Amino acid sequence: MAAGILTGAMTRERAAALPANDWRSKHTELQEPKLSRNLALVERLKAVGARHGGVTAGTVAVAWTLRHPAVTAAIVGFRNAAQVDGIVAAAEVVLTEEEVREIGAAATA
């Protein structure tokens, strides 16, 4: 889930507080200018998720990935059994063409 970014649990403060021995502290996606872009993407994913009954940003990210015509499956990591529910829920989220474009635009901004 992109080093925790797409879960919605990563914040600017959490990224700044990562200990030096955490590999994510050096991850370019958690450093500016990419961090701001990624956090904006997560906010867009949360907004789309709210329209689909309050599903998480991570669920929407997986649904968006699965919506791509070249993708037949998604390999998604998780750390505990509770996280599986959001991943499985992605199969039930039906994104509109407009939402696919909206997320795509945010992902490439």
N, C-alpha and C. Protein backbone atom coordinates (compact mmCIF):
# COMPACT_ATOMS: atom_id res chain seq x y z
N MET A 1 0.83 -1.19 0.00
CA MET A 1 0.00 0.00 0.00
C MET A 1 0.87 1.25 0.00
N ALA A 2 1.93 1.20 -0.79
CA ALA A 2 2.81 2.35 -1.00
C ALA A 2 3.41 2.86 0.30
N ALA A 3 4.02 1.98 1.05
CA ALA A 3 4.70 2.32 2.30
C ALA A 3 3.75 2.93 3.33
N GLY A 4 2.48 2.58 3.26
CA GLY A 4 1.50 3.08 4.21
C GLY A 4 0.79 4.33 3.76
N ILE A 5 1.21 4.91 2.65
CA ILE A 5 0.61 6.17 2.19
C ILE A 5 -0.85 5.95 1.81
N LEU A 6 -1.13 4.94 1.01
CA LEU A 6 -2.48 4.74 0.48
C LEU A 6 -3.47 4.24 1.52
N THR A 7 -2.99 3.84 2.68
CA THR A 7 -3.91 3.40 3.73
C THR A 7 -4.67 4.56 4.33
N GLY A 8 -4.12 5.76 4.19
CA GLY A 8 -4.73 6.92 4.81
C GLY A 8 -4.22 7.16 6.22
N ALA A 9 -3.39 6.25 6.71
CA ALA A 9 -2.86 6.38 8.07
C ALA A 9 -1.60 7.24 8.13
N MET A 10 -0.98 7.48 6.99
CA MET A 10 0.25 8.27 6.98
C MET A 10 -0.10 9.75 6.91
N THR A 11 0.48 10.51 7.81
CA THR A 11 0.30 11.96 7.82
C THR A 11 1.67 12.61 7.66
N ARG A 12 1.65 13.89 7.43
CA ARG A 12 2.91 14.64 7.34
C ARG A 12 3.70 14.50 8.65
N GLU A 13 2.98 14.58 9.77
CA GLU A 13 3.63 14.46 11.08
C GLU A 13 4.19 13.06 11.31
N ARG A 14 3.44 12.06 10.93
CA ARG A 14 3.92 10.69 11.11
C ARG A 14 5.14 10.43 10.24
N ALA A 15 5.12 10.92 9.01
CA ALA A 15 6.28 10.75 8.12
C ALA A 15 7.51 11.43 8.70
N ALA A 16 7.33 12.62 9.26
CA ALA A 16 8.46 13.36 9.84
C ALA A 16 9.00 12.68 11.09
N ALA A 17 8.14 11.94 11.78
CA ALA A 17 8.54 11.30 13.04
C ALA A 17 9.08 9.88 12.87
N LEU A 18 9.13 9.39 11.64
CA LEU A 18 9.65 8.03 11.44
C LEU A 18 11.09 7.96 11.92
N PRO A 19 11.44 6.92 12.69
CA PRO A 19 12.82 6.80 13.16
C PRO A 19 13.79 6.55 12.00
N ALA A 20 15.01 6.94 12.17
CA ALA A 20 16.03 6.81 11.12
C ALA A 20 16.22 5.36 10.67
N ASN A 21 15.96 4.41 11.56
CA ASN A 21 16.15 3.00 11.18
C ASN A 21 14.91 2.41 10.50
N ASP A 22 13.88 3.21 10.28
CA ASP A 22 12.71 2.78 9.52
C ASP A 22 12.97 3.11 8.05
N TRP A 23 12.98 2.12 7.18
CA TRP A 23 13.32 2.34 5.77
C TRP A 23 12.44 3.40 5.12
N ARG A 24 11.23 3.57 5.65
CA ARG A 24 10.33 4.57 5.06
C ARG A 24 10.83 6.00 5.28
N SER A 25 11.68 6.20 6.28
CA SER A 25 12.18 7.56 6.55
C SER A 25 13.00 8.10 5.39
N LYS A 26 13.51 7.21 4.55
CA LYS A 26 14.31 7.61 3.38
C LYS A 26 13.55 7.45 2.06
N HIS A 27 12.33 6.95 2.14
CA HIS A 27 11.52 6.69 0.95
C HIS A 27 11.16 8.02 0.28
N THR A 28 11.45 8.14 -1.00
CA THR A 28 11.21 9.40 -1.71
C THR A 28 9.73 9.79 -1.75
N GLU A 29 8.84 8.81 -1.68
CA GLU A 29 7.41 9.12 -1.70
C GLU A 29 6.95 9.78 -0.39
N LEU A 30 7.78 9.70 0.64
CA LEU A 30 7.46 10.31 1.93
C LEU A 30 8.29 11.57 2.18
N GLN A 31 8.90 12.08 1.13
CA GLN A 31 9.68 13.31 1.21
C GLN A 31 9.12 14.30 0.20
N GLU A 32 9.29 15.57 0.51
CA GLU A 32 8.80 16.61 -0.42
C GLU A 32 9.63 16.60 -1.69
N PRO A 33 9.03 16.89 -2.80
CA PRO A 33 7.66 17.38 -2.99
C PRO A 33 6.62 16.26 -3.14
N LYS A 34 7.07 15.03 -3.20
CA LYS A 34 6.15 13.92 -3.42
C LYS A 34 5.19 13.71 -2.26
N LEU A 35 5.64 14.00 -1.04
CA LEU A 35 4.77 13.78 0.11
C LEU A 35 3.48 14.59 -0.01
N SER A 36 3.59 15.86 -0.34
CA SER A 36 2.39 16.70 -0.47
C SER A 36 1.46 16.17 -1.56
N ARG A 37 2.03 15.76 -2.69
CA ARG A 37 1.22 15.21 -3.78
C ARG A 37 0.51 13.92 -3.33
N ASN A 38 1.23 13.08 -2.62
CA ASN A 38 0.66 11.81 -2.17
C ASN A 38 -0.44 12.02 -1.13
N LEU A 39 -0.24 12.97 -0.23
CA LEU A 39 -1.27 13.26 0.77
C LEU A 39 -2.52 13.84 0.11
N ALA A 40 -2.35 14.65 -0.94
CA ALA A 40 -3.49 15.18 -1.69
C ALA A 40 -4.23 14.04 -2.39
N LEU A 41 -3.50 13.09 -2.93
CA LEU A 41 -4.11 11.92 -3.57
C LEU A 41 -4.94 11.15 -2.55
N VAL A 42 -4.40 10.95 -1.36
CA VAL A 42 -5.14 10.21 -0.33
C VAL A 42 -6.42 10.95 0.04
N GLU A 43 -6.38 12.26 0.11
CA GLU A 43 -7.60 13.02 0.40
C GLU A 43 -8.64 12.81 -0.69
N ARG A 44 -8.19 12.74 -1.95
CA ARG A 44 -9.11 12.47 -3.06
C ARG A 44 -9.68 11.07 -2.93
N LEU A 45 -8.84 10.09 -2.58
CA LEU A 45 -9.31 8.71 -2.40
C LEU A 45 -10.34 8.64 -1.27
N LYS A 46 -10.10 9.38 -0.19
CA LYS A 46 -11.06 9.41 0.92
C LYS A 46 -12.39 10.00 0.48
N ALA A 47 -12.33 11.06 -0.33
CA ALA A 47 -13.56 11.70 -0.83
C ALA A 47 -14.36 10.71 -1.68
N VAL A 48 -13.68 9.99 -2.55
CA VAL A 48 -14.36 8.98 -3.37
C VAL A 48 -14.92 7.88 -2.47
N GLY A 49 -14.15 7.47 -1.49
CA GLY A 49 -14.60 6.44 -0.56
C GLY A 49 -15.85 6.85 0.21
N ALA A 50 -15.93 8.13 0.56
CA ALA A 50 -17.12 8.63 1.26
C ALA A 50 -18.37 8.47 0.40
N ARG A 51 -18.22 8.63 -0.91
CA ARG A 51 -19.35 8.48 -1.84
C ARG A 51 -19.78 7.02 -1.99
N HIS A 52 -18.90 6.11 -1.57
CA HIS A 52 -19.18 4.68 -1.69
C HIS A 52 -19.42 4.05 -0.31
N GLY A 53 -20.11 4.79 0.52
CA GLY A 53 -20.48 4.24 1.82
C GLY A 53 -19.40 4.32 2.87
N GLY A 54 -18.42 5.17 2.66
CA GLY A 54 -17.38 5.36 3.68
C GLY A 54 -16.26 4.34 3.64
N VAL A 55 -15.99 3.76 2.47
CA VAL A 55 -14.85 2.84 2.38
C VAL A 55 -13.55 3.64 2.48
N THR A 56 -12.50 2.98 2.87
CA THR A 56 -11.23 3.65 3.12
C THR A 56 -10.51 4.06 1.84
N ALA A 57 -9.53 4.94 2.02
CA ALA A 57 -8.68 5.36 0.90
C ALA A 57 -7.99 4.14 0.29
N GLY A 58 -7.52 3.24 1.13
CA GLY A 58 -6.85 2.04 0.63
C GLY A 58 -7.77 1.16 -0.19
N THR A 59 -9.01 1.03 0.24
CA THR A 59 -9.99 0.24 -0.51
C THR A 59 -10.22 0.85 -1.89
N VAL A 60 -10.35 2.18 -1.93
CA VAL A 60 -10.55 2.86 -3.22
C VAL A 60 -9.31 2.71 -4.10
N ALA A 61 -8.12 2.79 -3.51
CA ALA A 61 -6.89 2.64 -4.29
C ALA A 61 -6.83 1.26 -4.95
N VAL A 62 -7.19 0.24 -4.21
CA VAL A 62 -7.19 -1.12 -4.77
C VAL A 62 -8.27 -1.24 -5.84
N ALA A 63 -9.46 -0.68 -5.58
CA ALA A 63 -10.55 -0.73 -6.57
C ALA A 63 -10.13 -0.02 -7.85
N TRP A 64 -9.45 1.12 -7.72
CA TRP A 64 -8.98 1.87 -8.89
C TRP A 64 -7.96 1.04 -9.68
N THR A 65 -7.07 0.39 -8.98
CA THR A 65 -6.06 -0.46 -9.63
C THR A 65 -6.74 -1.60 -10.38
N LEU A 66 -7.71 -2.23 -9.73
CA LEU A 66 -8.41 -3.35 -10.37
C LEU A 66 -9.26 -2.90 -11.55
N ARG A 67 -9.64 -1.64 -11.59
CA ARG A 67 -10.46 -1.09 -12.66
C ARG A 67 -9.67 -0.93 -13.96
N HIS A 68 -8.35 -0.88 -13.84
CA HIS A 68 -7.51 -0.69 -15.03
C HIS A 68 -7.64 -1.91 -15.94
N PRO A 69 -7.88 -1.71 -17.23
CA PRO A 69 -8.12 -2.85 -18.13
C PRO A 69 -6.94 -3.80 -18.28
N ALA A 70 -5.73 -3.32 -18.02
CA ALA A 70 -4.56 -4.20 -18.16
C ALA A 70 -4.29 -5.01 -16.90
N VAL A 71 -5.02 -4.74 -15.83
CA VAL A 71 -4.79 -5.41 -14.54
C VAL A 71 -5.80 -6.53 -14.37
N THR A 72 -5.30 -7.72 -14.09
CA THR A 72 -6.20 -8.86 -13.85
C THR A 72 -6.23 -9.24 -12.38
N ALA A 73 -5.26 -8.75 -11.60
CA ALA A 73 -5.22 -9.02 -10.16
C ALA A 73 -4.29 -8.00 -9.52
N ALA A 74 -4.46 -7.82 -8.23
CA ALA A 74 -3.59 -6.89 -7.49
C ALA A 74 -2.97 -7.65 -6.32
N ILE A 75 -1.68 -7.52 -6.17
CA ILE A 75 -1.00 -8.10 -5.03
C ILE A 75 -0.90 -7.01 -3.97
N VAL A 76 -1.61 -7.19 -2.88
CA VAL A 76 -1.70 -6.16 -1.86
C VAL A 76 -1.17 -6.73 -0.55
N GLY A 77 -0.27 -6.00 0.07
CA GLY A 77 0.28 -6.44 1.35
C GLY A 77 -0.56 -5.97 2.52
N PHE A 78 -0.49 -6.71 3.58
CA PHE A 78 -1.18 -6.32 4.80
C PHE A 78 -0.38 -6.85 5.98
N ARG A 79 -0.54 -6.19 7.12
CA ARG A 79 0.21 -6.57 8.32
C ARG A 79 -0.61 -7.38 9.31
N ASN A 80 -1.93 -7.30 9.22
CA ASN A 80 -2.76 -8.06 10.15
C ASN A 80 -4.08 -8.44 9.48
N ALA A 81 -4.78 -9.34 10.10
CA ALA A 81 -6.01 -9.87 9.52
C ALA A 81 -7.07 -8.80 9.35
N ALA A 82 -7.11 -7.80 10.21
CA ALA A 82 -8.12 -6.74 10.12
C ALA A 82 -7.99 -5.95 8.83
N GLN A 83 -6.80 -5.84 8.29
CA GLN A 83 -6.59 -5.09 7.06
C GLN A 83 -7.12 -5.82 5.83
N VAL A 84 -7.35 -7.10 5.95
CA VAL A 84 -7.84 -7.88 4.81
C VAL A 84 -9.23 -7.43 4.40
N ASP A 85 -10.07 -7.04 5.36
CA ASP A 85 -11.44 -6.65 5.05
C ASP A 85 -11.49 -5.52 4.03
N GLY A 86 -10.63 -4.52 4.21
CA GLY A 86 -10.60 -3.40 3.27
C GLY A 86 -10.15 -3.81 1.89
N ILE A 87 -9.23 -4.74 1.85
CA ILE A 87 -8.73 -5.22 0.56
C ILE A 87 -9.81 -6.00 -0.17
N VAL A 88 -10.49 -6.88 0.55
CA VAL A 88 -11.56 -7.67 -0.04
C VAL A 88 -12.71 -6.77 -0.48
N ALA A 89 -13.00 -5.73 0.30
CA ALA A 89 -14.10 -4.81 -0.02
C ALA A 89 -13.87 -4.10 -1.35
N ALA A 90 -12.62 -3.97 -1.77
CA ALA A 90 -12.31 -3.29 -3.02
C ALA A 90 -12.96 -3.97 -4.22
N ALA A 91 -13.17 -5.26 -4.14
CA ALA A 91 -13.80 -5.98 -5.25
C ALA A 91 -15.26 -5.58 -5.42
N GLU A 92 -15.87 -5.02 -4.37
CA GLU A 92 -17.27 -4.62 -4.41
C GLU A 92 -17.47 -3.15 -4.80
N VAL A 93 -16.39 -2.37 -4.80
CA VAL A 93 -16.50 -0.95 -5.12
C VAL A 93 -16.50 -0.78 -6.64
N VAL A 94 -17.57 -0.20 -7.15
CA VAL A 94 -17.69 0.03 -8.59
C VAL A 94 -17.51 1.52 -8.84
N LEU A 95 -16.34 1.87 -9.33
CA LEU A 95 -16.03 3.26 -9.61
C LEU A 95 -16.63 3.69 -10.94
N THR A 96 -17.12 4.92 -10.97
CA THR A 96 -17.62 5.46 -12.23
C THR A 96 -16.44 5.89 -13.09
N GLU A 97 -16.71 6.11 -14.38
CA GLU A 97 -15.66 6.61 -15.27
C GLU A 97 -15.13 7.94 -14.76
N GLU A 98 -16.02 8.78 -14.28
CA GLU A 98 -15.61 10.09 -13.75
C GLU A 98 -14.69 9.92 -12.54
N GLU A 99 -14.99 8.98 -11.66
CA GLU A 99 -14.15 8.75 -10.48
C GLU A 99 -12.78 8.20 -10.89
N VAL A 100 -12.77 7.33 -11.89
CA VAL A 100 -11.50 6.80 -12.38
C VAL A 100 -10.63 7.94 -12.91
N ARG A 101 -11.24 8.84 -13.68
CA ARG A 101 -10.49 10.01 -14.19
C ARG A 101 -10.06 10.93 -13.05
N GLU A 102 -10.94 11.13 -12.08
CA GLU A 102 -10.64 12.00 -10.93
C GLU A 102 -9.43 11.48 -10.15
N ILE A 103 -9.41 10.19 -9.90
CA ILE A 103 -8.29 9.59 -9.18
C ILE A 103 -7.04 9.61 -10.03
N GLY A 104 -7.19 9.30 -11.30
CA GLY A 104 -6.03 9.33 -12.21
C GLY A 104 -5.40 10.70 -12.27
N ALA A 105 -6.23 11.74 -12.34
CA ALA A 105 -5.70 13.11 -12.36
C ALA A 105 -4.98 13.44 -11.07
N ALA A 106 -5.51 13.01 -9.94
CA ALA A 106 -4.85 13.27 -8.65
C ALA A 106 -3.55 12.49 -8.54
N ALA A 107 -3.51 11.30 -9.13
CA ALA A 107 -2.31 10.47 -9.05
C ALA A 107 -1.19 11.01 -9.90
N THR A 108 -1.51 11.79 -10.91
CA THR A 108 -0.47 12.30 -11.81
C THR A 108 -0.23 13.80 -11.64
N ALA A 109 -0.89 14.39 -10.65
CA ALA A 109 -0.73 15.85 -10.42
C ALA A 109 0.66 16.19 -9.92
